[in-house]
Amino acid sequence: MDLVEFLRARLDRDEQIARDCASAPWKAAPGGTVGLGTDDPAPVAKAENDAYAEHIARHDPARTLAEVAARRQIVDDYEKGAWILGQRHRTPELDAAQNVRESVLRLLALPYATHPAYQEEWRP
């Protein structure tokens, strides 16, 4: 598995989990709970305290889906650059830009460093 495949698999998983939880916006509630932005008072999650509840609510499925979309665009841009370079359209500027994009991919993969498929040579 290369770095692009690894990132795409992680983003697919993040997206699926977020979609599975995206029935309504999440809201932090008093007492360290997170509820859906609906009339249903049942908590989605019980956190240790209000700060944890706020953190959970801020990372709701809608935000995760937006982050996945943005990260996918970055991966797509990297692959477009690799394709251009593979067509023998190499210039020092294009090579430098691709090196920057690869550095960004390595940084995007870093939060997944504990995943069994993560490869240490990807570490920035």
PDB file of N, CA and C in Angstrom:
ATOM      1  N   MET A   1       0.858  -1.184   0.000  1.00  0.00           N
ATOM      2  CA  MET A   1       0.000   0.000   0.000  1.00  0.00           C
ATOM      3  C   MET A   1       0.894   1.234   0.000  1.00  0.00           C
ATOM      4  N   ASP A   2       0.622   2.170  -0.914  1.00  0.00           N
ATOM      5  CA  ASP A   2       1.406   3.401  -0.914  1.00  0.00           C
ATOM      6  C   ASP A   2       0.683   4.469  -0.091  1.00  0.00           C
ATOM      7  N   LEU A   3       1.301   5.618   0.035  1.00  0.00           N
ATOM      8  CA  LEU A   3       0.773   6.683   0.888  1.00  0.00           C
ATOM      9  C   LEU A   3      -0.597   7.164   0.403  1.00  0.00           C
ATOM     10  N   VAL A   4      -0.777   7.306  -0.899  1.00  0.00           N
ATOM     11  CA  VAL A   4      -2.063   7.762  -1.429  1.00  0.00           C
ATOM     12  C   VAL A   4      -3.159   6.743  -1.119  1.00  0.00           C
ATOM     13  N   GLU A   5      -2.895   5.466  -1.349  1.00  0.00           N
ATOM     14  CA  GLU A   5      -3.881   4.421  -1.041  1.00  0.00           C
ATOM     15  C   GLU A   5      -4.215   4.410   0.446  1.00  0.00           C
ATOM     16  N   PHE A   6      -3.194   4.558   1.271  1.00  0.00           N
ATOM     17  CA  PHE A   6      -3.393   4.593   2.719  1.00  0.00           C
ATOM     18  C   PHE A   6      -4.317   5.748   3.102  1.00  0.00           C
ATOM     19  N   LEU A   7      -4.008   6.945   2.597  1.00  0.00           N
ATOM     20  CA  LEU A   7      -4.835   8.106   2.937  1.00  0.00           C
ATOM     21  C   LEU A   7      -6.256   7.947   2.423  1.00  0.00           C
ATOM     22  N   ARG A   8      -6.407   7.474   1.214  1.00  0.00           N
ATOM     23  CA  ARG A   8      -7.763   7.295   0.676  1.00  0.00           C
ATOM     24  C   ARG A   8      -8.566   6.301   1.530  1.00  0.00           C
ATOM     25  N   ALA A   9      -7.940   5.226   1.977  1.00  0.00           N
ATOM     26  CA  ALA A   9      -8.632   4.244   2.823  1.00  0.00           C
ATOM     27  C   ALA A   9      -9.027   4.859   4.165  1.00  0.00           C
ATOM     28  N   ARG A  10      -8.157   5.643   4.774  1.00  0.00           N
ATOM     29  CA  ARG A  10      -8.485   6.277   6.044  1.00  0.00           C
ATOM     30  C   ARG A  10      -9.607   7.297   5.852  1.00  0.00           C
ATOM     31  N   LEU A  11      -9.544   8.084   4.775  1.00  0.00           N
ATOM     32  CA  LEU A  11     -10.584   9.072   4.518  1.00  0.00           C
ATOM     33  C   LEU A  11     -11.919   8.389   4.240  1.00  0.00           C
ATOM     34  N   ASP A  12     -11.901   7.287   3.504  1.00  0.00           N
ATOM     35  CA  ASP A  12     -13.139   6.536   3.269  1.00  0.00           C
ATOM     36  C   ASP A  12     -13.752   6.088   4.594  1.00  0.00           C
ATOM     37  N   ARG A  13     -12.915   5.602   5.508  1.00  0.00           N
ATOM     38  CA  ARG A  13     -13.410   5.130   6.809  1.00  0.00           C
ATOM     39  C   ARG A  13     -13.962   6.297   7.635  1.00  0.00           C
ATOM     40  N   ASP A  14     -13.225   7.413   7.668  1.00  0.00           N
ATOM     41  CA  ASP A  14     -13.701   8.589   8.394  1.00  0.00           C
ATOM     42  C   ASP A  14     -15.045   9.050   7.835  1.00  0.00           C
ATOM     43  N   GLU A  15     -15.165   9.057   6.511  1.00  0.00           N
ATOM     44  CA  GLU A  15     -16.414   9.474   5.888  1.00  0.00           C
ATOM     45  C   GLU A  15     -17.557   8.532   6.263  1.00  0.00           C
ATOM     46  N   GLN A  16     -17.315   7.238   6.205  1.00  0.00           N
ATOM     47  CA  GLN A  16     -18.376   6.275   6.505  1.00  0.00           C
ATOM     48  C   GLN A  16     -18.868   6.420   7.944  1.00  0.00           C
ATOM     49  N   ILE A  17     -17.947   6.553   8.865  1.00  0.00           N
ATOM     50  CA  ILE A  17     -18.342   6.723  10.267  1.00  0.00           C
ATOM     51  C   ILE A  17     -19.146   8.007  10.434  1.00  0.00           C
ATOM     52  N   ALA A  18     -18.687   9.092   9.821  1.00  0.00           N
ATOM     53  CA  ALA A  18     -19.407  10.366   9.940  1.00  0.00           C
ATOM     54  C   ALA A  18     -20.799  10.262   9.325  1.00  0.00           C
ATOM     55  N   ARG A  19     -20.906   9.632   8.167  1.00  0.00           N
ATOM     56  CA  ARG A  19     -22.220   9.494   7.526  1.00  0.00           C
ATOM     57  C   ARG A  19     -23.166   8.646   8.395  1.00  0.00           C
ATOM     58  N   ASP A  20     -22.611   7.622   9.042  1.00  0.00           N
ATOM     59  CA  ASP A  20     -23.426   6.780   9.914  1.00  0.00           C
ATOM     60  C   ASP A  20     -23.973   7.560  11.114  1.00  0.00           C
ATOM     61  N   CYS A  21     -23.328   8.668  11.471  1.00  0.00           N
ATOM     62  CA  CYS A  21     -23.716   9.444  12.652  1.00  0.00           C
ATOM     63  C   CYS A  21     -24.349  10.787  12.302  1.00  0.00           C
ATOM     64  N   ALA A  22     -24.646  11.025  11.040  1.00  0.00           N
ATOM     65  CA  ALA A  22     -25.015  12.364  10.593  1.00  0.00           C
ATOM     66  C   ALA A  22     -26.513  12.616  10.506  1.00  0.00           C
ATOM     67  N   SER A  23     -27.297  12.032  11.383  1.00  0.00           N
ATOM     68  CA  SER A  23     -28.743  12.231  11.293  1.00  0.00           C
ATOM     69  C   SER A  23     -29.164  13.664  11.634  1.00  0.00           C
ATOM     70  N   ALA A  24     -28.393  14.361  12.443  1.00  0.00           N
ATOM     71  CA  ALA A  24     -28.698  15.744  12.829  1.00  0.00           C
ATOM     72  C   ALA A  24     -27.431  16.372  13.389  1.00  0.00           C
ATOM     73  N   PRO A  25     -27.366  17.720  13.421  1.00  0.00           N
ATOM     74  CA  PRO A  25     -26.175  18.369  13.990  1.00  0.00           C
ATOM     75  C   PRO A  25     -26.031  18.044  15.474  1.00  0.00           C
ATOM     76  N   TRP A  26     -24.829  17.943  15.923  1.00  0.00           N
ATOM     77  CA  TRP A  26     -24.571  17.657  17.329  1.00  0.00           C
ATOM     78  C   TRP A  26     -24.445  18.954  18.099  1.00  0.00           C
ATOM     79  N   LYS A  27     -24.922  18.939  19.338  1.00  0.00           N
ATOM     80  CA  LYS A  27     -24.861  20.110  20.212  1.00  0.00           C
ATOM     81  C   LYS A  27     -24.377  19.685  21.589  1.00  0.00           C
ATOM     82  N   ALA A  28     -23.480  20.492  22.171  1.00  0.00           N
ATOM     83  CA  ALA A  28     -23.057  20.240  23.548  1.00  0.00           C
ATOM     84  C   ALA A  28     -24.174  20.682  24.480  1.00  0.00           C
ATOM     85  N   ALA A  29     -24.425  19.881  25.490  1.00  0.00           N
ATOM     86  CA  ALA A  29     -25.478  20.184  26.455  1.00  0.00           C
ATOM     87  C   ALA A  29     -24.874  20.199  27.850  1.00  0.00           C
ATOM     88  N   PRO A  30     -25.540  20.827  28.805  1.00  0.00           N
ATOM     89  CA  PRO A  30     -25.029  20.846  30.176  1.00  0.00           C
ATOM     90  C   PRO A  30     -24.859  19.436  30.729  1.00  0.00           C
ATOM     91  N   GLY A  31     -23.953  19.314  31.636  1.00  0.00           N
ATOM     92  CA  GLY A  31     -23.730  18.033  32.300  1.00  0.00           C
ATOM     93  C   GLY A  31     -22.847  17.086  31.509  1.00  0.00           C
ATOM     94  N   GLY A  32     -22.120  17.633  30.542  1.00  0.00           N
ATOM     95  CA  GLY A  32     -21.186  16.795  29.801  1.00  0.00           C
ATOM     96  C   GLY A  32     -21.842  15.841  28.836  1.00  0.00           C
ATOM     97  N   THR A  33     -22.971  16.236  28.263  1.00  0.00           N
ATOM     98  CA  THR A  33     -23.616  15.377  27.272  1.00  0.00           C
ATOM     99  C   THR A  33     -23.564  16.041  25.907  1.00  0.00           C
ATOM    100  N   VAL A  34     -23.702  15.222  24.896  1.00  0.00           N
ATOM    101  CA  VAL A  34     -23.800  15.707  23.526  1.00  0.00           C
ATOM    102  C   VAL A  34     -25.101  15.170  22.984  1.00  0.00           C
ATOM    103  N   GLY A  35     -25.929  16.069  22.471  1.00  0.00           N
ATOM    104  CA  GLY A  35     -27.216  15.663  21.922  1.00  0.00           C
ATOM    105  C   GLY A  35     -27.338  16.084  20.480  1.00  0.00           C
ATOM    106  N   LEU A  36     -28.342  15.536  19.816  1.00  0.00           N
ATOM    107  CA  LEU A  36     -28.629  15.930  18.449  1.00  0.00           C
ATOM    108  C   LEU A  36     -29.420  17.223  18.471  1.00  0.00           C
ATOM    109  N   GLY A  37     -29.267  18.019  17.429  1.00  0.00           N
ATOM    110  CA  GLY A  37     -30.001  19.268  17.320  1.00  0.00           C
ATOM    111  C   GLY A  37     -31.454  19.020  16.928  1.00  0.00           C
ATOM    112  N   THR A  38     -32.133  18.162  17.683  1.00  0.00           N
ATOM    113  CA  THR A  38     -33.539  17.825  17.426  1.00  0.00           C
ATOM    114  C   THR A  38     -34.310  17.980  18.724  1.00  0.00           C
ATOM    115  N   ASP A  39     -35.579  17.657  18.693  1.00  0.00           N
ATOM    116  CA  ASP A  39     -36.399  17.717  19.904  1.00  0.00           C
ATOM    117  C   ASP A  39     -36.163  16.520  20.810  1.00  0.00           C
ATOM    118  N   ASP A  40     -35.447  15.524  20.330  1.00  0.00           N
ATOM    119  CA  ASP A  40     -35.174  14.317  21.117  1.00  0.00           C
ATOM    120  C   ASP A  40     -34.141  14.653  22.192  1.00  0.00           C
ATOM    121  N   PRO A  41     -34.491  14.561  23.471  1.00  0.00           N
ATOM    122  CA  PRO A  41     -33.557  14.929  24.533  1.00  0.00           C
ATOM    123  C   PRO A  41     -32.495  13.872  24.825  1.00  0.00           C
ATOM    124  N   ALA A  42     -32.580  12.720  24.207  1.00  0.00           N
ATOM    125  CA  ALA A  42     -31.632  11.642  24.513  1.00  0.00           C
ATOM    126  C   ALA A  42     -30.223  12.043  24.076  1.00  0.00           C
ATOM    127  N   PRO A  43     -29.244  11.846  24.958  1.00  0.00           N
ATOM    128  CA  PRO A  43     -27.874  12.200  24.586  1.00  0.00           C
ATOM    129  C   PRO A  43     -27.294  11.213  23.563  1.00  0.00           C
ATOM    130  N   VAL A  44     -26.459  11.763  22.679  1.00  0.00           N
ATOM    131  CA  VAL A  44     -25.703  10.933  21.739  1.00  0.00           C
ATOM    132  C   VAL A  44     -24.521  10.320  22.474  1.00  0.00           C
ATOM    133  N   ALA A  45     -23.923  11.130  23.342  1.00  0.00           N
ATOM    134  CA  ALA A  45     -22.752  10.668  24.085  1.00  0.00           C
ATOM    135  C   ALA A  45     -22.720  11.354  25.442  1.00  0.00           C
ATOM    136  N   LYS A  46     -22.158  10.680  26.403  1.00  0.00           N
ATOM    137  CA  LYS A  46     -21.933  11.251  27.735  1.00  0.00           C
ATOM    138  C   LYS A  46     -20.432  11.423  27.875  1.00  0.00           C
ATOM    139  N   ALA A  47     -20.018  12.639  28.100  1.00  0.00           N
ATOM    140  CA  ALA A  47     -18.596  12.940  28.241  1.00  0.00           C
ATOM    141  C   ALA A  47     -18.254  13.108  29.716  1.00  0.00           C
ATOM    142  N   GLU A  48     -16.971  13.167  29.992  1.00  0.00           N
ATOM    143  CA  GLU A  48     -16.524  13.293  31.375  1.00  0.00           C
ATOM    144  C   GLU A  48     -16.902  14.643  31.974  1.00  0.00           C
ATOM    145  N   ASN A  49     -16.906  15.684  31.135  1.00  0.00           N
ATOM    146  CA  ASN A  49     -17.271  17.015  31.614  1.00  0.00           C
ATOM    147  C   ASN A  49     -17.716  17.876  30.434  1.00  0.00           C
ATOM    148  N   ASP A  50     -18.089  19.116  30.713  1.00  0.00           N
ATOM    149  CA  ASP A  50     -18.592  20.010  29.672  1.00  0.00           C
ATOM    150  C   ASP A  50     -17.556  20.273  28.578  1.00  0.00           C
ATOM    151  N   ALA A  51     -16.275  20.360  28.941  1.00  0.00           N
ATOM    152  CA  ALA A  51     -15.238  20.604  27.937  1.00  0.00           C
ATOM    153  C   ALA A  51     -15.154  19.440  26.948  1.00  0.00           C
ATOM    154  N   TYR A  52     -15.234  18.214  27.458  1.00  0.00           N
ATOM    155  CA  TYR A  52     -15.235  17.059  26.562  1.00  0.00           C
ATOM    156  C   TYR A  52     -16.472  17.061  25.668  1.00  0.00           C
ATOM    157  N   ALA A  53     -17.608  17.412  26.243  1.00  0.00           N
ATOM    158  CA  ALA A  53     -18.836  17.455  25.454  1.00  0.00           C
ATOM    159  C   ALA A  53     -18.711  18.487  24.333  1.00  0.00           C
ATOM    160  N   GLU A  54     -18.160  19.651  24.648  1.00  0.00           N
ATOM    161  CA  GLU A  54     -17.961  20.681  23.631  1.00  0.00           C
ATOM    162  C   GLU A  54     -17.010  20.186  22.541  1.00  0.00           C
ATOM    163  N   HIS A  55     -15.950  19.519  22.931  1.00  0.00           N
ATOM    164  CA  HIS A  55     -14.997  18.984  21.951  1.00  0.00           C
ATOM    165  C   HIS A  55     -15.682  17.966  21.025  1.00  0.00           C
ATOM    166  N   ILE A  56     -16.449  17.073  21.601  1.00  0.00           N
ATOM    167  CA  ILE A  56     -17.159  16.066  20.798  1.00  0.00           C
ATOM    168  C   ILE A  56     -18.130  16.750  19.840  1.00  0.00           C
ATOM    169  N   ALA A  57     -18.888  17.712  20.327  1.00  0.00           N
ATOM    170  CA  ALA A  57     -19.873  18.392  19.487  1.00  0.00           C
ATOM    171  C   ALA A  57     -19.203  19.173  18.361  1.00  0.00           C
ATOM    172  N   ARG A  58     -18.044  19.765  18.631  1.00  0.00           N
ATOM    173  CA  ARG A  58     -17.325  20.523  17.599  1.00  0.00           C
ATOM    174  C   ARG A  58     -16.806  19.623  16.479  1.00  0.00           C
ATOM    175  N   HIS A  59     -16.627  18.355  16.767  1.00  0.00           N
ATOM    176  CA  HIS A  59     -16.126  17.405  15.768  1.00  0.00           C
ATOM    177  C   HIS A  59     -17.253  16.495  15.299  1.00  0.00           C
ATOM    178  N   ASP A  60     -18.371  17.129  15.028  1.00  0.00           N
ATOM    179  CA  ASP A  60     -19.559  16.392  14.603  1.00  0.00           C
ATOM    180  C   ASP A  60     -19.376  15.844  13.183  1.00  0.00           C
ATOM    181  N   PRO A  61     -20.285  14.999  12.738  1.00  0.00           N
ATOM    182  CA  PRO A  61     -20.159  14.392  11.413  1.00  0.00           C
ATOM    183  C   PRO A  61     -20.054  15.403  10.272  1.00  0.00           C
ATOM    184  N   ALA A  62     -20.767  16.505  10.338  1.00  0.00           N
ATOM    185  CA  ALA A  62     -20.713  17.489   9.254  1.00  0.00           C
ATOM    186  C   ALA A  62     -19.301  18.059   9.106  1.00  0.00           C
ATOM    187  N   ARG A  63     -18.664  18.334  10.221  1.00  0.00           N
ATOM    188  CA  ARG A  63     -17.290  18.854  10.165  1.00  0.00           C
ATOM    189  C   ARG A  63     -16.352  17.792   9.619  1.00  0.00           C
ATOM    190  N   THR A  64     -16.511  16.562  10.063  1.00  0.00           N
ATOM    191  CA  THR A  64     -15.664  15.487   9.571  1.00  0.00           C
ATOM    192  C   THR A  64     -15.823  15.323   8.064  1.00  0.00           C
ATOM    193  N   LEU A  65     -17.059  15.374   7.574  1.00  0.00           N
ATOM    194  CA  LEU A  65     -17.284  15.233   6.138  1.00  0.00           C
ATOM    195  C   LEU A  65     -16.638  16.376   5.360  1.00  0.00           C
ATOM    196  N   ALA A  66     -16.678  17.584   5.882  1.00  0.00           N
ATOM    197  CA  ALA A  66     -16.022  18.720   5.224  1.00  0.00           C
ATOM    198  C   ALA A  66     -14.503  18.528   5.209  1.00  0.00           C
ATOM    199  N   GLU A  67     -13.949  18.042   6.321  1.00  0.00           N
ATOM    200  CA  GLU A  67     -12.509  17.796   6.375  1.00  0.00           C
ATOM    201  C   GLU A  67     -12.094  16.687   5.420  1.00  0.00           C
ATOM    202  N   VAL A  68     -12.896  15.633   5.326  1.00  0.00           N
ATOM    203  CA  VAL A  68     -12.599  14.542   4.393  1.00  0.00           C
ATOM    204  C   VAL A  68     -12.592  15.073   2.966  1.00  0.00           C
ATOM    205  N   ALA A  69     -13.570  15.878   2.609  1.00  0.00           N
ATOM    206  CA  ALA A  69     -13.634  16.431   1.252  1.00  0.00           C
ATOM    207  C   ALA A  69     -12.404  17.285   0.944  1.00  0.00           C
ATOM    208  N   ALA A  70     -11.995  18.113   1.885  1.00  0.00           N
ATOM    209  CA  ALA A  70     -10.818  18.960   1.681  1.00  0.00           C
ATOM    210  C   ALA A  70      -9.550  18.120   1.536  1.00  0.00           C
ATOM    211  N   ARG A  71      -9.407  17.109   2.374  1.00  0.00           N
ATOM    212  CA  ARG A  71      -8.222  16.255   2.310  1.00  0.00           C
ATOM    213  C   ARG A  71      -8.193  15.434   1.025  1.00  0.00           C
ATOM    214  N   ARG A  72      -9.360  14.997   0.564  1.00  0.00           N
ATOM    215  CA  ARG A  72      -9.410  14.274  -0.712  1.00  0.00           C
ATOM    216  C   ARG A  72      -8.941  15.166  -1.858  1.00  0.00           C
ATOM    217  N   GLN A  73      -9.299  16.439  -1.821  1.00  0.00           N
ATOM    218  CA  GLN A  73      -8.860  17.367  -2.873  1.00  0.00           C
ATOM    219  C   GLN A  73      -7.341  17.500  -2.860  1.00  0.00           C
ATOM    220  N   ILE A  74      -6.753  17.519  -1.678  1.00  0.00           N
ATOM    221  CA  ILE A  74      -5.298  17.596  -1.575  1.00  0.00           C
ATOM    222  C   ILE A  74      -4.663  16.338  -2.166  1.00  0.00           C
ATOM    223  N   VAL A  75      -5.221  15.167  -1.863  1.00  0.00           N
ATOM    224  CA  VAL A  75      -4.714  13.910  -2.423  1.00  0.00           C
ATOM    225  C   VAL A  75      -4.879  13.916  -3.946  1.00  0.00           C
ATOM    226  N   ASP A  76      -6.023  14.382  -4.429  1.00  0.00           N
ATOM    227  CA  ASP A  76      -6.249  14.471  -5.877  1.00  0.00           C
ATOM    228  C   ASP A  76      -5.220  15.382  -6.538  1.00  0.00           C
ATOM    229  N   ASP A  77      -4.936  16.527  -5.925  1.00  0.00           N
ATOM    230  CA  ASP A  77      -3.938  17.450  -6.479  1.00  0.00           C
ATOM    231  C   ASP A  77      -2.562  16.797  -6.551  1.00  0.00           C
ATOM    232  N   TYR A  78      -2.220  16.019  -5.532  1.00  0.00           N
ATOM    233  CA  TYR A  78      -0.947  15.300  -5.550  1.00  0.00           C
ATOM    234  C   TYR A  78      -0.905  14.326  -6.732  1.00  0.00           C
ATOM    235  N   GLU A  79      -1.985  13.571  -6.910  1.00  0.00           N
ATOM    236  CA  GLU A  79      -2.018  12.599  -8.002  1.00  0.00           C
ATOM    237  C   GLU A  79      -1.977  13.281  -9.378  1.00  0.00           C
ATOM    238  N   LYS A  80      -2.622  14.425  -9.530  1.00  0.00           N
ATOM    239  CA  LYS A  80      -2.539  15.169 -10.785  1.00  0.00           C
ATOM    240  C   LYS A  80      -1.102  15.602 -11.062  1.00  0.00           C
ATOM    241  N   GLY A  81      -0.443  16.082 -10.032  1.00  0.00           N
ATOM    242  CA  GLY A  81       0.962  16.477 -10.184  1.00  0.00           C
ATOM    243  C   GLY A  81       1.834  15.303 -10.559  1.00  0.00           C
ATOM    244  N   ALA A  82       1.593  14.151  -9.943  1.00  0.00           N
ATOM    245  CA  ALA A  82       2.374  12.946 -10.272  1.00  0.00           C
ATOM    246  C   ALA A  82       2.122  12.534 -11.714  1.00  0.00           C
ATOM    247  N   TRP A  83       0.875  12.653 -12.166  1.00  0.00           N
ATOM    248  CA  TRP A  83       0.548  12.301 -13.542  1.00  0.00           C
ATOM    249  C   TRP A  83       1.277  13.214 -14.516  1.00  0.00           C
ATOM    250  N   ILE A  84       1.270  14.516 -14.241  1.00  0.00           N
ATOM    251  CA  ILE A  84       1.956  15.481 -15.112  1.00  0.00           C
ATOM    252  C   ILE A  84       3.438  15.150 -15.185  1.00  0.00           C
ATOM    253  N   LEU A  85       4.056  14.889 -14.048  1.00  0.00           N
ATOM    254  CA  LEU A  85       5.476  14.539 -14.036  1.00  0.00           C
ATOM    255  C   LEU A  85       5.724  13.231 -14.781  1.00  0.00           C
ATOM    256  N   GLY A  86       4.789  12.294 -14.680  1.00  0.00           N
ATOM    257  CA  GLY A  86       4.909  11.021 -15.376  1.00  0.00           C
ATOM    258  C   GLY A  86       4.780  11.147 -16.879  1.00  0.00           C
ATOM    259  N   GLN A  87       4.233  12.253 -17.349  1.00  0.00           N
ATOM    260  CA  GLN A  87       4.110  12.500 -18.792  1.00  0.00           C
ATOM    261  C   GLN A  87       5.346  13.197 -19.344  1.00  0.00           C
ATOM    262  N   ARG A  88       6.400  13.202 -18.569  1.00  0.00           N
ATOM    263  CA  ARG A  88       7.686  13.803 -18.950  1.00  0.00           C
ATOM    264  C   ARG A  88       7.616  15.325 -19.104  1.00  0.00           C
ATOM    265  N   HIS A  89       6.751  15.927 -18.329  1.00  0.00           N
ATOM    266  CA  HIS A  89       6.653  17.386 -18.300  1.00  0.00           C
ATOM    267  C   HIS A  89       7.398  17.909 -17.072  1.00  0.00           C
ATOM    268  N   ARG A  90       8.624  17.475 -16.914  1.00  0.00           N
ATOM    269  CA  ARG A  90       9.386  17.811 -15.717  1.00  0.00           C
ATOM    270  C   ARG A  90      10.091  19.153 -15.895  1.00  0.00           C
ATOM    271  N   THR A  91       9.947  19.961 -14.873  1.00  0.00           N
ATOM    272  CA  THR A  91      10.724  21.194 -14.749  1.00  0.00           C
ATOM    273  C   THR A  91      11.123  21.275 -13.287  1.00  0.00           C
ATOM    274  N   PRO A  92      12.141  22.040 -12.976  1.00  0.00           N
ATOM    275  CA  PRO A  92      12.498  22.186 -11.554  1.00  0.00           C
ATOM    276  C   PRO A  92      11.338  22.714 -10.716  1.00  0.00           C
ATOM    277  N   GLU A  93      10.530  23.588 -11.297  1.00  0.00           N
ATOM    278  CA  GLU A  93       9.396  24.156 -10.565  1.00  0.00           C
ATOM    279  C   GLU A  93       8.323  23.096 -10.291  1.00  0.00           C
ATOM    280  N   LEU A  94       8.025  22.265 -11.301  1.00  0.00           N
ATOM    281  CA  LEU A  94       7.032  21.209 -11.110  1.00  0.00           C
ATOM    282  C   LEU A  94       7.518  20.173 -10.103  1.00  0.00           C
ATOM    283  N   ASP A  95       8.799  19.823 -10.172  1.00  0.00           N
ATOM    284  CA  ASP A  95       9.355  18.880  -9.195  1.00  0.00           C
ATOM    285  C   ASP A  95       9.270  19.444  -7.783  1.00  0.00           C
ATOM    286  N   ALA A  96       9.600  20.727  -7.628  1.00  0.00           N
ATOM    287  CA  ALA A  96       9.549  21.359  -6.305  1.00  0.00           C
ATOM    288  C   ALA A  96       8.115  21.391  -5.785  1.00  0.00           C
ATOM    289  N   ALA A  97       7.159  21.726  -6.657  1.00  0.00           N
ATOM    290  CA  ALA A  97       5.757  21.757  -6.240  1.00  0.00           C
ATOM    291  C   ALA A  97       5.294  20.367  -5.815  1.00  0.00           C
ATOM    292  N   GLN A  98       5.711  19.330  -6.527  1.00  0.00           N
ATOM    293  CA  GLN A  98       5.309  17.972  -6.166  1.00  0.00           C
ATOM    294  C   GLN A  98       5.937  17.548  -4.840  1.00  0.00           C
ATOM    295  N   ASN A  99       7.157  17.982  -4.597  1.00  0.00           N
ATOM    296  CA  ASN A  99       7.794  17.680  -3.305  1.00  0.00           C
ATOM    297  C   ASN A  99       7.015  18.311  -2.160  1.00  0.00           C
ATOM    298  N   VAL A 100       6.511  19.518  -2.369  1.00  0.00           N
ATOM    299  CA  VAL A 100       5.701  20.181  -1.342  1.00  0.00           C
ATOM    300  C   VAL A 100       4.402  19.403  -1.138  1.00  0.00           C
ATOM    301  N   ARG A 101       3.753  19.001  -2.233  1.00  0.00           N
ATOM    302  CA  ARG A 101       2.508  18.233  -2.105  1.00  0.00           C
ATOM    303  C   ARG A 101       2.755  16.919  -1.367  1.00  0.00           C
ATOM    304  N   GLU A 102       3.888  16.276  -1.643  1.00  0.00           N
ATOM    305  CA  GLU A 102       4.188  15.025  -0.936  1.00  0.00           C
ATOM    306  C   GLU A 102       4.390  15.279   0.558  1.00  0.00           C
ATOM    307  N   SER A 103       5.027  16.380   0.891  1.00  0.00           N
ATOM    308  CA  SER A 103       5.194  16.730   2.308  1.00  0.00           C
ATOM    309  C   SER A 103       3.840  16.928   2.974  1.00  0.00           C
ATOM    310  N   VAL A 104       2.918  17.550   2.264  1.00  0.00           N
ATOM    311  CA  VAL A 104       1.570  17.755   2.807  1.00  0.00           C
ATOM    312  C   VAL A 104       0.879  16.406   3.023  1.00  0.00           C
ATOM    313  N   LEU A 105       1.007  15.470   2.065  1.00  0.00           N
ATOM    314  CA  LEU A 105       0.407  14.140   2.238  1.00  0.00           C
ATOM    315  C   LEU A 105       0.973  13.449   3.466  1.00  0.00           C
ATOM    316  N   ARG A 106       2.265  13.562   3.665  1.00  0.00           N
ATOM    317  CA  ARG A 106       2.881  12.943   4.842  1.00  0.00           C
ATOM    318  C   ARG A 106       2.301  13.515   6.132  1.00  0.00           C
ATOM    319  N   LEU A 107       2.068  14.831   6.133  1.00  0.00           N
ATOM    320  CA  LEU A 107       1.465  15.467   7.306  1.00  0.00           C
ATOM    321  C   LEU A 107       0.010  15.028   7.484  1.00  0.00           C
ATOM    322  N   LEU A 108      -0.727  14.872   6.383  1.00  0.00           N
ATOM    323  CA  LEU A 108      -2.114  14.406   6.475  1.00  0.00           C
ATOM    324  C   LEU A 108      -2.191  12.984   7.014  1.00  0.00           C
ATOM    325  N   ALA A 109      -1.178  12.180   6.733  1.00  0.00           N
ATOM    326  CA  ALA A 109      -1.168  10.788   7.202  1.00  0.00           C
ATOM    327  C   ALA A 109      -0.766  10.679   8.664  1.00  0.00           C
ATOM    328  N   LEU A 110      -0.098  11.667   9.192  1.00  0.00           N
ATOM    329  CA  LEU A 110       0.439  11.595  10.556  1.00  0.00           C
ATOM    330  C   LEU A 110      -0.606  11.302  11.631  1.00  0.00           C
ATOM    331  N   PRO A 111      -1.821  11.867  11.580  1.00  0.00           N
ATOM    332  CA  PRO A 111      -2.805  11.513  12.605  1.00  0.00           C
ATOM    333  C   PRO A 111      -3.185  10.027  12.601  1.00  0.00           C
ATOM    334  N   TYR A 112      -2.881   9.330  11.528  1.00  0.00           N
ATOM    335  CA  TYR A 112      -3.202   7.905  11.422  1.00  0.00           C
ATOM    336  C   TYR A 112      -1.978   7.033  11.726  1.00  0.00           C
ATOM    337  N   ALA A 113      -0.956   7.605  12.333  1.00  0.00           N
ATOM    338  CA  ALA A 113       0.304   6.882  12.558  1.00  0.00           C
ATOM    339  C   ALA A 113       0.149   5.646  13.433  1.00  0.00           C
ATOM    340  N   THR A 114      -0.898   5.559  14.220  1.00  0.00           N
ATOM    341  CA  THR A 114      -1.098   4.365  15.051  1.00  0.00           C
ATOM    342  C   THR A 114      -1.836   3.257  14.292  1.00  0.00           C
ATOM    343  N   HIS A 115      -2.292   3.541  13.080  1.00  0.00           N
ATOM    344  CA  HIS A 115      -2.978   2.525  12.274  1.00  0.00           C
ATOM    345  C   HIS A 115      -1.968   1.463  11.834  1.00  0.00           C
ATOM    346  N   PRO A 116      -2.342   0.194  11.854  1.00  0.00           N
ATOM    347  CA  PRO A 116      -1.402  -0.875  11.503  1.00  0.00           C
ATOM    348  C   PRO A 116      -0.819  -0.767  10.091  1.00  0.00           C
ATOM    349  N   ALA A 117      -1.522  -0.134   9.168  1.00  0.00           N
ATOM    350  CA  ALA A 117      -1.020  -0.025   7.795  1.00  0.00           C
ATOM    351  C   ALA A 117      -0.094   1.180   7.589  1.00  0.00           C
ATOM    352  N   TYR A 118       0.017   2.036   8.597  1.00  0.00           N
ATOM    353  CA  TYR A 118       0.900   3.200   8.479  1.00  0.00           C
ATOM    354  C   TYR A 118       2.351   2.731   8.387  1.00  0.00           C
ATOM    355  N   GLN A 119       3.097   3.364   7.494  1.00  0.00           N
ATOM    356  CA  GLN A 119       4.510   3.003   7.311  1.00  0.00           C
ATOM    357  C   GLN A 119       5.391   4.130   7.824  1.00  0.00           C
ATOM    358  N   GLU A 120       6.349   3.780   8.634  1.00  0.00           N
ATOM    359  CA  GLU A 120       7.204   4.785   9.270  1.00  0.00           C
ATOM    360  C   GLU A 120       7.948   5.648   8.266  1.00  0.00           C
ATOM    361  N   GLU A 121       8.219   5.145   7.070  1.00  0.00           N
ATOM    362  CA  GLU A 121       8.933   5.968   6.083  1.00  0.00           C
ATOM    363  C   GLU A 121       8.074   7.142   5.589  1.00  0.00           C
ATOM    364  N   TRP A 122       6.784   7.127   5.886  1.00  0.00           N
ATOM    365  CA  TRP A 122       5.922   8.248   5.537  1.00  0.00           C
ATOM    366  C   TRP A 122       6.035   9.381   6.542  1.00  0.00           C
ATOM    367  N   ARG A 123       6.591   9.112   7.710  1.00  0.00           N
ATOM    368  CA  ARG A 123       6.651  10.129   8.760  1.00  0.00           C
ATOM    369  C   ARG A 123       7.451  11.332   8.259  1.00  0.00           C
ATOM    370  N   PRO A 124       6.886  12.532   8.442  1.00  0.00           N
ATOM    371  CA  PRO A 124       7.600  13.748   7.974  1.00  0.00           C
ATOM    372  C   PRO A 124       8.875  13.987   8.752  1.00  0.00           C
TER     373      PRO A 124
END
